[in-house]
């Protein structure tokens, strides 16, 4: 374990420092500072909201199925209700 830490200290830290001084490193740093930009996309946000609604409905169905299994009663279909 000490060897791994020593190798990282010798090569990793200076490598990251010098990468930050390059154009690519600066672009990476800028992107990290601003975020990835996906949080501002209205279509993506709408899709995430839709997925949240669908997940909530799925959780409700799973809870219902679990209650039916525990109670031992057969589930009634909407046409029987």
C-alpha atoms as a PDB file:
ATOM      1  CA  UNK A   1       0.000   0.000   0.000  1.00  0.00           C
ATOM      2  CA  UNK A   2       2.821   2.403   0.814  1.00  0.00           C
ATOM      3  CA  UNK A   3       4.372   1.724  -2.588  1.00  0.00           C
ATOM      4  CA  UNK A   4       1.163   2.653  -4.361  1.00  0.00           C
ATOM      5  CA  UNK A   5       0.927   5.909  -2.438  1.00  0.00           C
ATOM      6  CA  UNK A   6       4.566   6.695  -3.219  1.00  0.00           C
ATOM      7  CA  UNK A   7       4.100   6.043  -6.947  1.00  0.00           C
ATOM      8  CA  UNK A   8       0.994   8.223  -7.029  1.00  0.00           C
ATOM      9  CA  UNK A   9       2.784  10.989  -5.139  1.00  0.00           C
ATOM     10  CA  UNK A  10       5.758  10.819  -7.518  1.00  0.00           C
ATOM     11  CA  UNK A  11       3.868  10.643 -10.801  1.00  0.00           C
ATOM     12  CA  UNK A  12       0.158  11.222 -10.269  1.00  0.00           C
ATOM     13  CA  UNK A  13       0.173  14.551  -8.489  1.00  0.00           C
ATOM     14  CA  UNK A  14       2.681  16.253 -10.827  1.00  0.00           C
ATOM     15  CA  UNK A  15       0.921  14.679 -13.816  1.00  0.00           C
ATOM     16  CA  UNK A  16      -2.407  16.131 -12.780  1.00  0.00           C
ATOM     17  CA  UNK A  17      -0.772  19.512 -12.138  1.00  0.00           C
ATOM     18  CA  UNK A  18       0.852  19.637 -15.565  1.00  0.00           C
ATOM     19  CA  UNK A  19      -2.294  18.327 -17.269  1.00  0.00           C
ATOM     20  CA  UNK A  20      -4.110  21.311 -15.775  1.00  0.00           C
ATOM     21  CA  UNK A  21      -1.639  23.627 -17.497  1.00  0.00           C
ATOM     22  CA  UNK A  22      -2.366  22.250 -20.983  1.00  0.00           C
ATOM     23  CA  UNK A  23      -5.225  23.365 -23.240  1.00  0.00           C
ATOM     24  CA  UNK A  24      -7.019  20.051 -22.739  1.00  0.00           C
ATOM     25  CA  UNK A  25      -6.556  20.324 -18.986  1.00  0.00           C
ATOM     26  CA  UNK A  26      -7.957  23.850 -19.009  1.00  0.00           C
ATOM     27  CA  UNK A  27     -10.989  22.663 -20.982  1.00  0.00           C
ATOM     28  CA  UNK A  28     -11.575  19.865 -18.457  1.00  0.00           C
ATOM     29  CA  UNK A  29     -11.295  22.287 -15.546  1.00  0.00           C
ATOM     30  CA  UNK A  30     -13.682  24.745 -17.209  1.00  0.00           C
ATOM     31  CA  UNK A  31     -16.222  22.015 -17.877  1.00  0.00           C
ATOM     32  CA  UNK A  32     -16.006  20.830 -14.266  1.00  0.00           C
ATOM     33  CA  UNK A  33     -16.535  24.378 -13.019  1.00  0.00           C
ATOM     34  CA  UNK A  34     -19.580  24.976 -15.221  1.00  0.00           C
ATOM     35  CA  UNK A  35     -21.066  21.521 -14.922  1.00  0.00           C
ATOM     36  CA  UNK A  36     -21.744  19.323 -17.915  1.00  0.00           C
ATOM     37  CA  UNK A  37     -24.532  21.536 -19.279  1.00  0.00           C
ATOM     38  CA  UNK A  38     -27.082  18.708 -19.334  1.00  0.00           C
ATOM     39  CA  UNK A  39     -28.911  20.216 -16.360  1.00  0.00           C
ATOM     40  CA  UNK A  40     -30.081  23.129 -18.499  1.00  0.00           C
ATOM     41  CA  UNK A  41     -31.652  21.075 -21.302  1.00  0.00           C
ATOM     42  CA  UNK A  42     -35.468  21.359 -21.025  1.00  0.00           C
ATOM     43  CA  UNK A  43     -36.058  18.191 -23.068  1.00  0.00           C
ATOM     44  CA  UNK A  44     -33.781  16.201 -20.777  1.00  0.00           C
ATOM     45  CA  UNK A  45     -35.437  17.635 -17.669  1.00  0.00           C
ATOM     46  CA  UNK A  46     -38.880  16.741 -19.046  1.00  0.00           C
ATOM     47  CA  UNK A  47     -37.733  13.200 -19.750  1.00  0.00           C
ATOM     48  CA  UNK A  48     -36.343  12.849 -16.224  1.00  0.00           C
ATOM     49  CA  UNK A  49     -39.658  14.098 -14.792  1.00  0.00           C
ATOM     50  CA  UNK A  50     -41.539  11.564 -16.941  1.00  0.00           C
ATOM     51  CA  UNK A  51     -39.255   8.781 -15.720  1.00  0.00           C
ATOM     52  CA  UNK A  52     -39.850   9.838 -12.115  1.00  0.00           C
ATOM     53  CA  UNK A  53     -43.617   9.611 -12.609  1.00  0.00           C
ATOM     54  CA  UNK A  54     -43.308   6.193 -14.239  1.00  0.00           C
ATOM     55  CA  UNK A  55     -41.023   4.975 -11.443  1.00  0.00           C
ATOM     56  CA  UNK A  56     -43.509   6.176  -8.842  1.00  0.00           C
ATOM     57  CA  UNK A  57     -46.328   4.271 -10.562  1.00  0.00           C
ATOM     58  CA  UNK A  58     -44.156   1.178 -10.761  1.00  0.00           C
ATOM     59  CA  UNK A  59     -43.366   1.408  -7.043  1.00  0.00           C
ATOM     60  CA  UNK A  60     -47.101   1.621  -6.270  1.00  0.00           C
ATOM     61  CA  UNK A  61     -47.784  -1.475  -8.368  1.00  0.00           C
ATOM     62  CA  UNK A  62     -44.970  -3.349  -6.660  1.00  0.00           C
ATOM     63  CA  UNK A  63     -46.286  -2.391  -3.221  1.00  0.00           C
ATOM     64  CA  UNK A  64     -49.750  -3.594  -4.227  1.00  0.00           C
ATOM     65  CA  UNK A  65     -48.383  -6.897  -5.518  1.00  0.00           C
ATOM     66  CA  UNK A  66     -46.376  -7.406  -2.321  1.00  0.00           C
ATOM     67  CA  UNK A  67     -49.466  -6.756  -0.168  1.00  0.00           C
ATOM     68  CA  UNK A  68     -51.461  -9.237  -2.236  1.00  0.00           C
ATOM     69  CA  UNK A  69     -48.782 -11.900  -1.857  1.00  0.00           C
ATOM     70  CA  UNK A  70     -48.583 -11.389   1.904  1.00  0.00           C
ATOM     71  CA  UNK A  71     -52.359 -11.465   2.373  1.00  0.00           C
ATOM     72  CA  UNK A  72     -52.755 -14.618   0.272  1.00  0.00           C
ATOM     73  CA  UNK A  73     -55.740 -13.191  -1.614  1.00  0.00           C
ATOM     74  CA  UNK A  74     -55.812 -13.233  -5.385  1.00  0.00           C
ATOM     75  CA  UNK A  75     -55.576  -9.774  -6.923  1.00  0.00           C
ATOM     76  CA  UNK A  76     -58.799  -8.446  -8.403  1.00  0.00           C
ATOM     77  CA  UNK A  77     -58.624  -7.131 -11.921  1.00  0.00           C
ATOM     78  CA  UNK A  78     -60.152  -3.741 -12.791  1.00  0.00           C
ATOM     79  CA  UNK A  79     -63.019  -5.479 -14.649  1.00  0.00           C
ATOM     80  CA  UNK A  80     -64.015  -7.359 -11.442  1.00  0.00           C
ATOM     81  CA  UNK A  81     -64.095  -4.225  -9.275  1.00  0.00           C
END
